Amino acid sequence: MNEQEREQNKRINQHQRLINNLRERLKTVEVDVEPDGRISEAFEQIEQHLERHDKKLDRLEHKVNQLGSKLDIIIEHLTGVNDLPEE
């Protein structure tokens, strides 16, 4: 094998390694981006997390409203006043 053939084979091998590397990187990107990939899974988990917090906030808001109503009843009972002017 002469020098020219060796150089040519060397370049072919380099290109083949580059192509293989690019294939592997493309596979990784596909796994991350596909509808059932890692990125989609992460967004799904974030969405579920936010939904749980929304439910907790809704329950908390309901409890605060209940406490406010109870306080209104207590104040009304103690003062004998049904509705105080706000201005």
Protein backbone atom coordinates (compact mmCIF):
# COMPACT_ATOMS: atom_id res chain seq x y z
CA MET A 1 0.00 0.00 0.00
CA ASN A 2 1.46 3.33 -0.98
CA GLU A 3 1.41 6.59 0.97
CA GLN A 4 -1.46 8.05 -0.97
CA GLU A 5 -3.70 5.04 -0.23
CA ARG A 6 -2.81 5.22 3.46
CA GLU A 7 -3.71 8.91 3.60
CA GLN A 8 -6.93 8.22 1.78
CA ASN A 9 -7.81 5.37 4.16
CA LYS A 10 -6.97 7.60 7.10
CA ARG A 11 -9.38 10.27 5.87
CA ILE A 12 -12.08 7.68 5.18
CA ASN A 13 -11.68 6.31 8.71
CA GLN A 14 -11.86 9.81 10.19
CA HIS A 15 -15.03 10.53 8.26
CA GLN A 16 -16.50 7.19 9.30
CA ARG A 17 -15.80 7.96 12.98
CA LEU A 18 -17.33 11.39 12.55
CA ILE A 19 -20.44 9.90 10.96
CA ASN A 20 -20.76 7.34 13.76
CA ASN A 21 -20.37 10.07 16.36
CA LEU A 22 -23.04 12.17 14.66
CA ARG A 23 -25.41 9.17 14.53
CA GLU A 24 -25.00 8.63 18.26
CA ARG A 25 -25.56 12.29 19.03
CA LEU A 26 -28.65 12.32 16.83
CA LYS A 27 -30.03 9.29 18.68
CA THR A 28 -29.50 11.12 21.98
CA VAL A 29 -31.32 14.19 20.70
CA GLU A 30 -34.18 12.06 19.40
CA VAL A 31 -34.52 10.33 22.76
CA ASP A 32 -34.63 13.71 24.51
CA VAL A 33 -37.05 15.44 22.15
CA GLU A 34 -39.51 12.75 21.04
CA PRO A 35 -43.06 12.95 22.50
CA ASP A 36 -42.21 10.31 25.09
CA GLY A 37 -38.62 11.51 25.48
CA ARG A 38 -36.88 12.93 28.51
CA ILE A 39 -37.84 16.56 27.87
CA SER A 40 -41.51 15.67 27.47
CA GLU A 41 -41.35 13.58 30.64
CA ALA A 42 -39.81 16.48 32.53
CA PHE A 43 -42.55 18.87 31.39
CA GLU A 44 -45.16 16.28 32.38
CA GLN A 45 -43.66 16.00 35.87
CA ILE A 46 -43.59 19.79 36.23
CA GLU A 47 -47.21 19.97 35.12
CA GLN A 48 -48.24 17.32 37.67
CA HIS A 49 -46.29 19.12 40.38
CA LEU A 50 -48.04 22.42 39.56
CA GLU A 51 -51.45 20.73 39.53
CA ARG A 52 -50.82 19.33 43.03
CA HIS A 53 -49.86 22.80 44.25
CA ASP A 54 -52.93 24.33 42.61
CA LYS A 55 -55.13 21.86 44.49
CA LYS A 56 -53.36 22.67 47.76
CA LEU A 57 -53.81 26.40 47.14
CA ASP A 58 -57.50 25.89 46.34
CA ARG A 59 -57.99 24.00 49.63
CA LEU A 60 -56.06 26.66 51.52
CA GLU A 61 -58.13 29.43 49.96
CA HIS A 62 -61.32 27.59 50.91
CA LYS A 63 -60.12 27.23 54.51
CA VAL A 64 -59.20 30.93 54.70
CA ASN A 65 -62.67 31.82 53.42
CA GLN A 66 -64.25 29.55 56.04
CA LEU A 67 -62.17 31.18 58.78
CA GLY A 68 -63.17 34.62 57.53
CA SER A 69 -66.83 33.64 57.70
CA LYS A 70 -66.39 32.28 61.21
CA LEU A 71 -64.63 35.46 62.30
CA ASP A 72 -67.47 37.53 60.84
CA ILE A 73 -69.98 35.51 62.88
CA ILE A 74 -67.88 35.88 66.05
CA ILE A 75 -67.49 39.65 65.56
CA GLU A 76 -71.20 40.00 64.82
CA HIS A 77 -72.06 38.04 67.95
CA LEU A 78 -69.67 40.02 70.17
CA THR A 79 -70.56 43.47 68.84
CA GLY A 80 -74.15 42.98 67.83
CA VAL A 81 -73.34 44.73 64.55
CA ASN A 82 -74.27 42.99 61.31
CA ASP A 83 -72.23 45.03 58.86
CA LEU A 84 -69.67 47.72 59.63
CA PRO A 85 -69.08 50.53 57.16
CA GLU A 86 -65.81 50.15 55.32
CA GLU A 87 -65.20 53.86 54.71
